[in-house]
PDB file of all heavy atoms in Angstrom:
ATOM      1  N   GLY A   1      -1.864   6.128  10.540  1.00  0.00           N
ATOM      2  CA  GLY A   1      -0.540   5.434  10.363  1.00  0.00           C
ATOM      3  C   GLY A   1      -0.954   4.074   9.942  1.00  0.00           C
ATOM      4  O   GLY A   1      -2.018   3.717   9.545  1.00  0.00           O
ATOM      5  N   PRO A   2       0.064   3.223   9.976  1.00  0.00           N
ATOM      6  CA  PRO A   2      -0.201   1.723   9.660  1.00  0.00           C
ATOM      7  C   PRO A   2      -1.212   1.175  10.607  1.00  0.00           C
ATOM      8  O   PRO A   2      -1.214   1.393  11.828  1.00  0.00           O
ATOM      9  CB  PRO A   2       1.228   1.089   9.953  1.00  0.00           C
ATOM     10  CG  PRO A   2       2.243   2.213   9.830  1.00  0.00           C
ATOM     11  CD  PRO A   2       1.470   3.459  10.393  1.00  0.00           C
ATOM     12  N   VAL A   3      -2.113   0.387   9.946  1.00  0.00           N
ATOM     13  CA  VAL A   3      -3.203  -0.350  10.661  1.00  0.00           C
ATOM     14  C   VAL A   3      -2.809  -1.746  10.993  1.00  0.00           C
ATOM     15  O   VAL A   3      -2.286  -2.413  10.103  1.00  0.00           O
ATOM     16  CB  VAL A   3      -4.486  -0.203   9.938  1.00  0.00           C
ATOM     17  CG1 VAL A   3      -5.580  -1.001  10.709  1.00  0.00           C
ATOM     18  CG2 VAL A   3      -4.881   1.084   9.519  1.00  0.00           C
ATOM     19  N   VAL A   4      -2.946  -2.138  12.234  1.00  0.00           N
ATOM     20  CA  VAL A   4      -2.498  -3.501  12.707  1.00  0.00           C
ATOM     21  C   VAL A   4      -3.646  -4.310  13.056  1.00  0.00           C
ATOM     22  O   VAL A   4      -4.496  -3.870  13.827  1.00  0.00           O
ATOM     23  CB  VAL A   4      -1.501  -3.401  13.897  1.00  0.00           C
ATOM     24  CG1 VAL A   4      -1.065  -4.718  14.411  1.00  0.00           C
ATOM     25  CG2 VAL A   4      -0.333  -2.469  13.522  1.00  0.00           C
ATOM     26  N   ALA A   5      -3.738  -5.519  12.578  1.00  0.00           N
ATOM     27  CA  ALA A   5      -4.826  -6.403  12.924  1.00  0.00           C
ATOM     28  C   ALA A   5      -4.221  -7.829  13.203  1.00  0.00           C
ATOM     29  O   ALA A   5      -3.363  -8.339  12.410  1.00  0.00           O
ATOM     30  CB  ALA A   5      -5.868  -6.679  11.864  1.00  0.00           C
ATOM     31  N   ASP A   6      -4.612  -8.485  14.323  1.00  0.00           N
ATOM     32  CA  ASP A   6      -4.021  -9.799  14.601  1.00  0.00           C
ATOM     33  C   ASP A   6      -2.477  -9.760  14.633  1.00  0.00           C
ATOM     34  O   ASP A   6      -1.901 -10.787  14.364  1.00  0.00           O
ATOM     35  CB  ASP A   6      -4.517 -10.918  13.591  1.00  0.00           C
ATOM     36  CG  ASP A   6      -6.008 -11.186  13.728  1.00  0.00           C
ATOM     37  OD1 ASP A   6      -6.611 -10.621  14.664  1.00  0.00           O
ATOM     38  OD2 ASP A   6      -6.472 -11.911  12.845  1.00  0.00           O
ATOM     39  N   GLY A   7      -1.947  -8.628  15.007  1.00  0.00           N
ATOM     40  CA  GLY A   7      -0.483  -8.580  15.178  1.00  0.00           C
ATOM     41  C   GLY A   7       0.307  -8.234  13.903  1.00  0.00           C
ATOM     42  O   GLY A   7       1.479  -8.211  13.976  1.00  0.00           O
ATOM     43  N   ARG A   8      -0.453  -8.020  12.817  1.00  0.00           N
ATOM     44  CA  ARG A   8       0.235  -7.725  11.527  1.00  0.00           C
ATOM     45  C   ARG A   8      -0.203  -6.470  10.931  1.00  0.00           C
ATOM     46  O   ARG A   8      -1.455  -6.184  11.002  1.00  0.00           O
ATOM     47  CB  ARG A   8       0.138  -8.903  10.606  1.00  0.00           C
ATOM     48  CG  ARG A   8       0.762 -10.188  10.991  1.00  0.00           C
ATOM     49  CD  ARG A   8       0.617 -11.277   9.897  1.00  0.00           C
ATOM     50  NE  ARG A   8      -0.793 -11.719   9.792  1.00  0.00           N
ATOM     51  CZ  ARG A   8      -1.456 -11.399   8.673  1.00  0.00           C
ATOM     52  NH1 ARG A   8      -1.024 -10.716   7.665  1.00  0.00           N
ATOM     53  NH2 ARG A   8      -2.768 -11.741   8.604  1.00  0.00           N
ATOM     54  N   ALA A   9       0.725  -5.665  10.380  1.00  0.00           N
ATOM     55  CA  ALA A   9       0.249  -4.523   9.649  1.00  0.00           C
ATOM     56  C   ALA A   9      -0.482  -4.835   8.355  1.00  0.00           C
ATOM     57  O   ALA A   9      -0.014  -5.778   7.679  1.00  0.00           O
ATOM     58  CB  ALA A   9       1.498  -3.519   9.405  1.00  0.00           C
ATOM     59  N   LEU A  10      -1.488  -4.110   7.959  1.00  0.00           N
ATOM     60  CA  LEU A  10      -2.173  -4.273   6.718  1.00  0.00           C
ATOM     61  C   LEU A  10      -1.210  -3.869   5.650  1.00  0.00           C
ATOM     62  O   LEU A  10      -0.441  -2.775   5.703  1.00  0.00           O
ATOM     63  CB  LEU A  10      -3.401  -3.384   6.662  1.00  0.00           C
ATOM     64  CG  LEU A  10      -4.662  -4.000   7.056  1.00  0.00           C
ATOM     65  CD1 LEU A  10      -4.634  -4.391   8.543  1.00  0.00           C
ATOM     66  CD2 LEU A  10      -5.858  -3.066   6.788  1.00  0.00           C
ATOM     67  N   ARG A  11      -1.183  -4.677   4.482  1.00  0.00           N
ATOM     68  CA  ARG A  11      -0.208  -4.413   3.433  1.00  0.00           C
ATOM     69  C   ARG A  11      -1.010  -4.597   2.111  1.00  0.00           C
ATOM     70  O   ARG A  11      -1.767  -5.464   1.867  1.00  0.00           O
ATOM     71  CB  ARG A  11       1.057  -5.274   3.427  1.00  0.00           C
ATOM     72  CG  ARG A  11       1.895  -4.998   4.614  1.00  0.00           C
ATOM     73  CD  ARG A  11       3.110  -5.709   4.510  1.00  0.00           C
ATOM     74  NE  ARG A  11       4.018  -5.551   5.708  1.00  0.00           N
ATOM     75  CZ  ARG A  11       4.851  -4.458   5.855  1.00  0.00           C
ATOM     76  NH1 ARG A  11       4.922  -3.656   4.906  1.00  0.00           N
ATOM     77  NH2 ARG A  11       5.535  -4.290   6.955  1.00  0.00           N
ATOM     78  N   ASP A  12      -0.733  -3.595   1.188  1.00  0.00           N
ATOM     79  CA  ASP A  12      -1.466  -3.714  -0.218  1.00  0.00           C
ATOM     80  C   ASP A  12      -0.778  -4.749  -1.000  1.00  0.00           C
ATOM     81  O   ASP A  12       0.200  -5.305  -0.548  1.00  0.00           O
ATOM     82  CB  ASP A  12      -1.382  -2.308  -0.787  1.00  0.00           C
ATOM     83  CG  ASP A  12       0.015  -1.872  -1.285  1.00  0.00           C
ATOM     84  OD1 ASP A  12       0.897  -2.618  -1.353  1.00  0.00           O
ATOM     85  OD2 ASP A  12       0.132  -0.654  -1.444  1.00  0.00           O
ATOM     86  N   PRO A  13      -1.191  -4.975  -2.220  1.00  0.00           N
ATOM     87  CA  PRO A  13      -0.730  -6.085  -3.044  1.00  0.00           C
ATOM     88  C   PRO A  13       0.748  -5.877  -3.378  1.00  0.00           C
ATOM     89  O   PRO A  13       1.483  -6.833  -3.716  1.00  0.00           O
ATOM     90  CB  PRO A  13      -1.546  -6.074  -4.269  1.00  0.00           C
ATOM     91  CG  PRO A  13      -2.923  -5.536  -3.782  1.00  0.00           C
ATOM     92  CD  PRO A  13      -2.688  -4.556  -2.761  1.00  0.00           C
ATOM     93  N   GLY A  14       1.241  -4.637  -3.316  1.00  0.00           N
ATOM     94  CA  GLY A  14       2.643  -4.403  -3.518  1.00  0.00           C
ATOM     95  C   GLY A  14       3.575  -4.498  -2.458  1.00  0.00           C
ATOM     96  O   GLY A  14       4.738  -4.309  -2.391  1.00  0.00           O
ATOM     97  N   GLY A  15       2.915  -4.745  -1.151  1.00  0.00           N
ATOM     98  CA  GLY A  15       3.693  -4.937   0.093  1.00  0.00           C
ATOM     99  C   GLY A  15       3.809  -3.800   0.914  1.00  0.00           C
ATOM    100  O   GLY A  15       4.366  -3.732   2.006  1.00  0.00           O
ATOM    101  N   ALA A  16       3.264  -2.562   0.430  1.00  0.00           N
ATOM    102  CA  ALA A  16       3.321  -1.295   1.272  1.00  0.00           C
ATOM    103  C   ALA A  16       2.350  -1.336   2.413  1.00  0.00           C
ATOM    104  O   ALA A  16       1.203  -2.027   2.242  1.00  0.00           O
ATOM    105  CB  ALA A  16       3.107  -0.109   0.401  1.00  0.00           C
ATOM    106  N   GLU A  17       2.672  -0.748   3.516  1.00  0.00           N
ATOM    107  CA  GLU A  17       1.783  -0.720   4.656  1.00  0.00           C
ATOM    108  C   GLU A  17       0.560   0.273   4.264  1.00  0.00           C
ATOM    109  O   GLU A  17       0.757   1.252   3.537  1.00  0.00           O
ATOM    110  CB  GLU A  17       2.379  -0.182   5.840  1.00  0.00           C
ATOM    111  CG  GLU A  17       3.436  -1.046   6.438  1.00  0.00           C
ATOM    112  CD  GLU A  17       4.042  -0.415   7.734  1.00  0.00           C
ATOM    113  OE1 GLU A  17       4.046   0.697   7.961  1.00  0.00           O
ATOM    114  OE2 GLU A  17       4.598  -1.362   8.533  1.00  0.00           O
ATOM    115  N   VAL A  18      -0.581  -0.158   4.669  1.00  0.00           N
ATOM    116  CA  VAL A  18      -1.826   0.491   4.328  1.00  0.00           C
ATOM    117  C   VAL A  18      -2.171   1.551   5.431  1.00  0.00           C
ATOM    118  O   VAL A  18      -2.148   1.132   6.637  1.00  0.00           O
ATOM    119  CB  VAL A  18      -3.059  -0.369   4.156  1.00  0.00           C
ATOM    120  CG1 VAL A  18      -4.338   0.268   3.997  1.00  0.00           C
ATOM    121  CG2 VAL A  18      -2.800  -1.372   2.933  1.00  0.00           C
ATOM    122  N   CYS A  19      -2.546   2.800   5.112  1.00  0.00           N
ATOM    123  CA  CYS A  19      -2.976   3.815   5.983  1.00  0.00           C
ATOM    124  C   CYS A  19      -4.416   4.154   5.576  1.00  0.00           C
ATOM    125  O   CYS A  19      -4.658   4.515   4.433  1.00  0.00           O
ATOM    126  CB  CYS A  19      -2.020   5.059   6.006  1.00  0.00           C
ATOM    127  SG  CYS A  19      -0.318   4.754   6.618  1.00  0.00           S
ATOM    128  N   LEU A  20      -5.275   4.099   6.586  1.00  0.00           N
ATOM    129  CA  LEU A  20      -6.618   4.559   6.444  1.00  0.00           C
ATOM    130  C   LEU A  20      -6.838   5.771   7.349  1.00  0.00           C
ATOM    131  O   LEU A  20      -6.666   5.732   8.536  1.00  0.00           O
ATOM    132  CB  LEU A  20      -7.639   3.456   6.961  1.00  0.00           C
ATOM    133  CG  LEU A  20      -7.714   2.193   6.132  1.00  0.00           C
ATOM    134  CD1 LEU A  20      -8.352   1.040   6.851  1.00  0.00           C
ATOM    135  CD2 LEU A  20      -8.293   2.429   4.820  1.00  0.00           C
ATOM    136  N   HIS A  21      -7.026   6.923   6.753  1.00  0.00           N
ATOM    137  CA  HIS A  21      -6.983   8.139   7.381  1.00  0.00           C
ATOM    138  C   HIS A  21      -8.385   8.327   8.193  1.00  0.00           C
ATOM    139  O   HIS A  21      -8.932   7.311   8.667  1.00  0.00           O
ATOM    140  CB  HIS A  21      -6.707   9.262   6.428  1.00  0.00           C
ATOM    141  CG  HIS A  21      -5.317   9.176   5.788  1.00  0.00           C
ATOM    142  ND1 HIS A  21      -4.181   9.232   6.571  1.00  0.00           N
ATOM    143  CD2 HIS A  21      -4.915   9.059   4.560  1.00  0.00           C
ATOM    144  CE1 HIS A  21      -3.137   9.129   5.741  1.00  0.00           C
ATOM    145  NE2 HIS A  21      -3.516   8.997   4.477  1.00  0.00           N
ATOM    146  N   ALA A  22      -8.969   9.546   8.169  1.00  0.00           N
ATOM    147  CA  ALA A  22     -10.225   9.750   8.978  1.00  0.00           C
ATOM    148  C   ALA A  22     -11.137   8.740   8.551  1.00  0.00           C
ATOM    149  O   ALA A  22     -11.615   8.496   7.518  1.00  0.00           O
ATOM    150  CB  ALA A  22     -10.694  11.207   8.816  1.00  0.00           C
ATOM    151  N   ASP A  23     -11.614   7.943   9.614  1.00  0.00           N
ATOM    152  CA  ASP A  23     -12.470   6.836   9.356  1.00  0.00           C
ATOM    153  C   ASP A  23     -13.744   6.832  10.288  1.00  0.00           C
ATOM    154  O   ASP A  23     -14.779   7.255   9.983  1.00  0.00           O
ATOM    155  CB  ASP A  23     -11.632   5.520   9.562  1.00  0.00           C
ATOM    156  CG  ASP A  23     -12.145   4.329   9.119  1.00  0.00           C
ATOM    157  OD1 ASP A  23     -13.492   4.195   9.060  1.00  0.00           O
ATOM    158  OD2 ASP A  23     -11.489   3.344   8.833  1.00  0.00           O
ATOM    159  N   GLN A  24     -13.562   6.397  11.486  1.00  0.00           N
ATOM    160  CA  GLN A  24     -14.687   6.233  12.373  1.00  0.00           C
ATOM    161  C   GLN A  24     -15.024   7.563  12.975  1.00  0.00           C
ATOM    162  O   GLN A  24     -14.117   8.461  13.222  1.00  0.00           O
ATOM    163  CB  GLN A  24     -14.319   5.222  13.506  1.00  0.00           C
ATOM    164  CG  GLN A  24     -14.091   3.865  13.119  1.00  0.00           C
ATOM    165  CD  GLN A  24     -12.686   3.583  12.726  1.00  0.00           C
ATOM    166  OE1 GLN A  24     -11.775   4.201  13.170  1.00  0.00           O
ATOM    167  NE2 GLN A  24     -12.553   2.618  11.840  1.00  0.00           N
ATOM    168  N   LEU A  25     -16.300   7.852  13.290  1.00  0.00           N
ATOM    169  CA  LEU A  25     -16.830   9.041  13.858  1.00  0.00           C
ATOM    170  C   LEU A  25     -18.125   8.772  14.631  1.00  0.00           C
ATOM    171  O   LEU A  25     -18.858   7.989  14.166  1.00  0.00           O
ATOM    172  CB  LEU A  25     -16.963  10.166  12.798  1.00  0.00           C
ATOM    173  CG  LEU A  25     -18.112  10.173  11.931  1.00  0.00           C
ATOM    174  CD1 LEU A  25     -18.216  11.535  11.204  1.00  0.00           C
ATOM    175  CD2 LEU A  25     -18.132   9.069  10.840  1.00  0.00           C
ATOM    176  N   GLU A  26     -18.401   9.529  15.594  1.00  0.00           N
ATOM    177  CA  GLU A  26     -19.647   9.534  16.336  1.00  0.00           C
ATOM    178  C   GLU A  26     -19.981  10.854  16.926  1.00  0.00           C
ATOM    179  O   GLU A  26     -19.036  11.645  17.211  1.00  0.00           O
ATOM    180  CB  GLU A  26     -19.548   8.501  17.521  1.00  0.00           C
ATOM    181  CG  GLU A  26     -19.276   7.034  17.231  1.00  0.00           C
ATOM    182  CD  GLU A  26     -20.308   6.351  16.435  1.00  0.00           C
ATOM    183  OE1 GLU A  26     -21.490   6.847  16.418  1.00  0.00           O
ATOM    184  OE2 GLU A  26     -20.039   5.389  15.802  1.00  0.00           O
ATOM    185  N   VAL A  27     -21.275  11.169  16.918  1.00  0.00           N
ATOM    186  CA  VAL A  27     -21.690  12.489  17.536  1.00  0.00           C
ATOM    187  C   VAL A  27     -22.250  12.154  18.921  1.00  0.00           C
ATOM    188  O   VAL A  27     -23.093  11.094  19.087  1.00  0.00           O
ATOM    189  CB  VAL A  27     -22.831  13.047  16.611  1.00  0.00           C
ATOM    190  CG1 VAL A  27     -23.388  14.323  17.327  1.00  0.00           C
ATOM    191  CG2 VAL A  27     -22.188  13.418  15.332  1.00  0.00           C
ATOM    192  N   SER A  28     -21.951  12.930  19.909  1.00  0.00           N
ATOM    193  CA  SER A  28     -22.432  12.655  21.206  1.00  0.00           C
ATOM    194  C   SER A  28     -23.976  12.795  21.321  1.00  0.00           C
ATOM    195  O   SER A  28     -24.566  13.498  20.438  1.00  0.00           O
ATOM    196  CB  SER A  28     -21.805  13.653  22.159  1.00  0.00           C
ATOM    197  OG  SER A  28     -22.187  14.919  21.888  1.00  0.00           O
ATOM    198  N   PRO A  29     -24.705  12.102  22.195  1.00  0.00           N
ATOM    199  CA  PRO A  29     -26.134  12.181  22.190  1.00  0.00           C
ATOM    200  C   PRO A  29     -26.728  13.522  22.208  1.00  0.00           C
ATOM    201  O   PRO A  29     -27.786  13.810  21.692  1.00  0.00           O
ATOM    202  CB  PRO A  29     -26.497  11.359  23.298  1.00  0.00           C
ATOM    203  CG  PRO A  29     -25.292  10.282  23.656  1.00  0.00           C
ATOM    204  CD  PRO A  29     -24.162  11.222  23.208  1.00  0.00           C
ATOM    205  N   ASP A  30     -26.023  14.489  22.967  1.00  0.00           N
ATOM    206  CA  ASP A  30     -26.496  15.823  22.970  1.00  0.00           C
ATOM    207  C   ASP A  30     -26.122  16.724  21.821  1.00  0.00           C
ATOM    208  O   ASP A  30     -26.530  17.879  21.729  1.00  0.00           O
ATOM    209  CB  ASP A  30     -26.049  16.584  24.379  1.00  0.00           C
ATOM    210  CG  ASP A  30     -24.599  16.628  24.510  1.00  0.00           C
ATOM    211  OD1 ASP A  30     -23.883  16.406  23.525  1.00  0.00           O
ATOM    212  OD2 ASP A  30     -24.089  16.924  25.536  1.00  0.00           O
ATOM    213  N   GLY A  31     -25.336  16.203  20.862  1.00  0.00           N
ATOM    214  CA  GLY A  31     -25.031  16.835  19.674  1.00  0.00           C
ATOM    215  C   GLY A  31     -23.786  17.814  19.863  1.00  0.00           C
ATOM    216  O   GLY A  31     -23.432  18.488  18.841  1.00  0.00           O
ATOM    217  N   ARG A  32     -23.252  17.855  21.052  1.00  0.00           N
ATOM    218  CA  ARG A  32     -22.231  18.870  21.286  1.00  0.00           C
ATOM    219  C   ARG A  32     -20.822  18.537  20.713  1.00  0.00           C
ATOM    220  O   ARG A  32     -20.098  19.529  20.396  1.00  0.00           O
ATOM    221  CB  ARG A  32     -22.035  19.074  22.823  1.00  0.00           C
ATOM    222  CG  ARG A  32     -23.155  19.780  23.549  1.00  0.00           C
ATOM    223  CD  ARG A  32     -22.867  20.031  24.934  1.00  0.00           C
ATOM    224  NE  ARG A  32     -21.624  20.661  25.211  1.00  0.00           N
ATOM    225  CZ  ARG A  32     -20.824  20.579  26.215  1.00  0.00           C
ATOM    226  NH1 ARG A  32     -21.209  19.924  27.144  1.00  0.00           N
ATOM    227  NH2 ARG A  32     -19.749  21.404  26.313  1.00  0.00           N
ATOM    228  N   TRP A  33     -20.571  17.226  20.577  1.00  0.00           N
ATOM    229  CA  TRP A  33     -19.239  16.863  20.268  1.00  0.00           C
ATOM    230  C   TRP A  33     -19.256  15.805  19.072  1.00  0.00           C
ATOM    231  O   TRP A  33     -20.182  15.005  19.048  1.00  0.00           O
ATOM    232  CB  TRP A  33     -18.483  16.167  21.466  1.00  0.00           C
ATOM    233  CG  TRP A  33     -18.379  16.967  22.724  1.00  0.00           C
ATOM    234  CD1 TRP A  33     -19.182  16.863  23.784  1.00  0.00           C
ATOM    235  CD2 TRP A  33     -17.354  17.829  22.878  1.00  0.00           C
ATOM    236  NE1 TRP A  33     -18.774  17.909  24.660  1.00  0.00           N
ATOM    237  CE2 TRP A  33     -17.640  18.521  24.159  1.00  0.00           C
ATOM    238  CE3 TRP A  33     -16.316  18.337  22.123  1.00  0.00           C
ATOM    239  CZ2 TRP A  33     -16.842  19.485  24.702  1.00  0.00           C
ATOM    240  CZ3 TRP A  33     -15.436  19.363  22.676  1.00  0.00           C
ATOM    241  CH2 TRP A  33     -15.796  19.910  23.948  1.00  0.00           C
ATOM    242  N   LEU A  34     -18.272  16.056  18.178  1.00  0.00           N
ATOM    243  CA  LEU A  34     -17.951  15.090  17.211  1.00  0.00           C
ATOM    244  C   LEU A  34     -16.696  14.220  17.699  1.00  0.00           C
ATOM    245  O   LEU A  34     -15.623  14.904  17.908  1.00  0.00           O
ATOM    246  CB  LEU A  34     -17.715  15.717  15.901  1.00  0.00           C
ATOM    247  CG  LEU A  34     -17.431  14.554  14.777  1.00  0.00           C
ATOM    248  CD1 LEU A  34     -18.652  13.835  14.420  1.00  0.00           C
ATOM    249  CD2 LEU A  34     -16.822  15.244  13.592  1.00  0.00           C
ATOM    250  N   TYR A  35     -16.702  12.968  17.793  1.00  0.00           N
ATOM    251  CA  TYR A  35     -15.545  12.095  18.020  1.00  0.00           C
ATOM    252  C   TYR A  35     -15.217  11.526  16.735  1.00  0.00           C
ATOM    253  O   TYR A  35     -16.017  10.991  15.946  1.00  0.00           O
ATOM    254  CB  TYR A  35     -15.834  10.994  19.099  1.00  0.00           C
ATOM    255  CG  TYR A  35     -16.378  11.556  20.441  1.00  0.00           C
ATOM    256  CD1 TYR A  35     -17.710  11.853  20.699  1.00  0.00           C
ATOM    257  CD2 TYR A  35     -15.486  11.841  21.502  1.00  0.00           C
ATOM    258  CE1 TYR A  35     -18.145  12.318  21.988  1.00  0.00           C
ATOM    259  CE2 TYR A  35     -15.843  12.352  22.733  1.00  0.00           C
ATOM    260  CZ  TYR A  35     -17.240  12.550  22.934  1.00  0.00           C
ATOM    261  OH  TYR A  35     -17.694  13.100  24.179  1.00  0.00           O
ATOM    262  N   TYR A  36     -13.951  11.407  16.469  1.00  0.00           N
ATOM    263  CA  TYR A  36     -13.376  10.882  15.140  1.00  0.00           C
ATOM    264  C   TYR A  36     -11.962  10.486  15.361  1.00  0.00           C
ATOM    265  O   TYR A  36     -11.280  10.731  16.214  1.00  0.00           O
ATOM    266  CB  TYR A  36     -13.529  11.951  14.057  1.00  0.00           C
ATOM    267  CG  TYR A  36     -12.663  13.149  14.308  1.00  0.00           C
ATOM    268  CD1 TYR A  36     -11.378  13.219  13.653  1.00  0.00           C
ATOM    269  CD2 TYR A  36     -12.997  14.251  15.081  1.00  0.00           C
ATOM    270  CE1 TYR A  36     -10.591  14.288  13.799  1.00  0.00           C
ATOM    271  CE2 TYR A  36     -12.167  15.347  15.307  1.00  0.00           C
ATOM    272  CZ  TYR A  36     -10.886  15.315  14.700  1.00  0.00           C
ATOM    273  OH  TYR A  36     -10.104  16.415  14.881  1.00  0.00           O
ATOM    274  N   GLN A  37     -11.521   9.604  14.288  1.00  0.00           N
ATOM    275  CA  GLN A  37     -10.126   8.975  14.454  1.00  0.00           C
ATOM    276  C   GLN A  37      -9.906   8.368  13.160  1.00  0.00           C
ATOM    277  O   GLN A  37     -10.728   7.908  12.334  1.00  0.00           O
ATOM    278  CB  GLN A  37     -10.154   7.953  15.463  1.00  0.00           C
ATOM    279  CG  GLN A  37     -11.071   6.774  15.233  1.00  0.00           C
ATOM    280  CD  GLN A  37     -10.670   5.682  16.287  1.00  0.00           C
ATOM    281  OE1 GLN A  37     -10.772   5.778  17.480  1.00  0.00           O
ATOM    282  NE2 GLN A  37     -10.319   4.470  15.745  1.00  0.00           N
TER     283      GLN A  37
END
């Protein structure tokens, strides 16, 4: 959904809210789990 930084939603040059879909991810040290968001 909309990304918020310092209290404001990110907006592209046209003024629309920016959505960054699947982005961060980490694998658990034992390799059993993938965490993502």
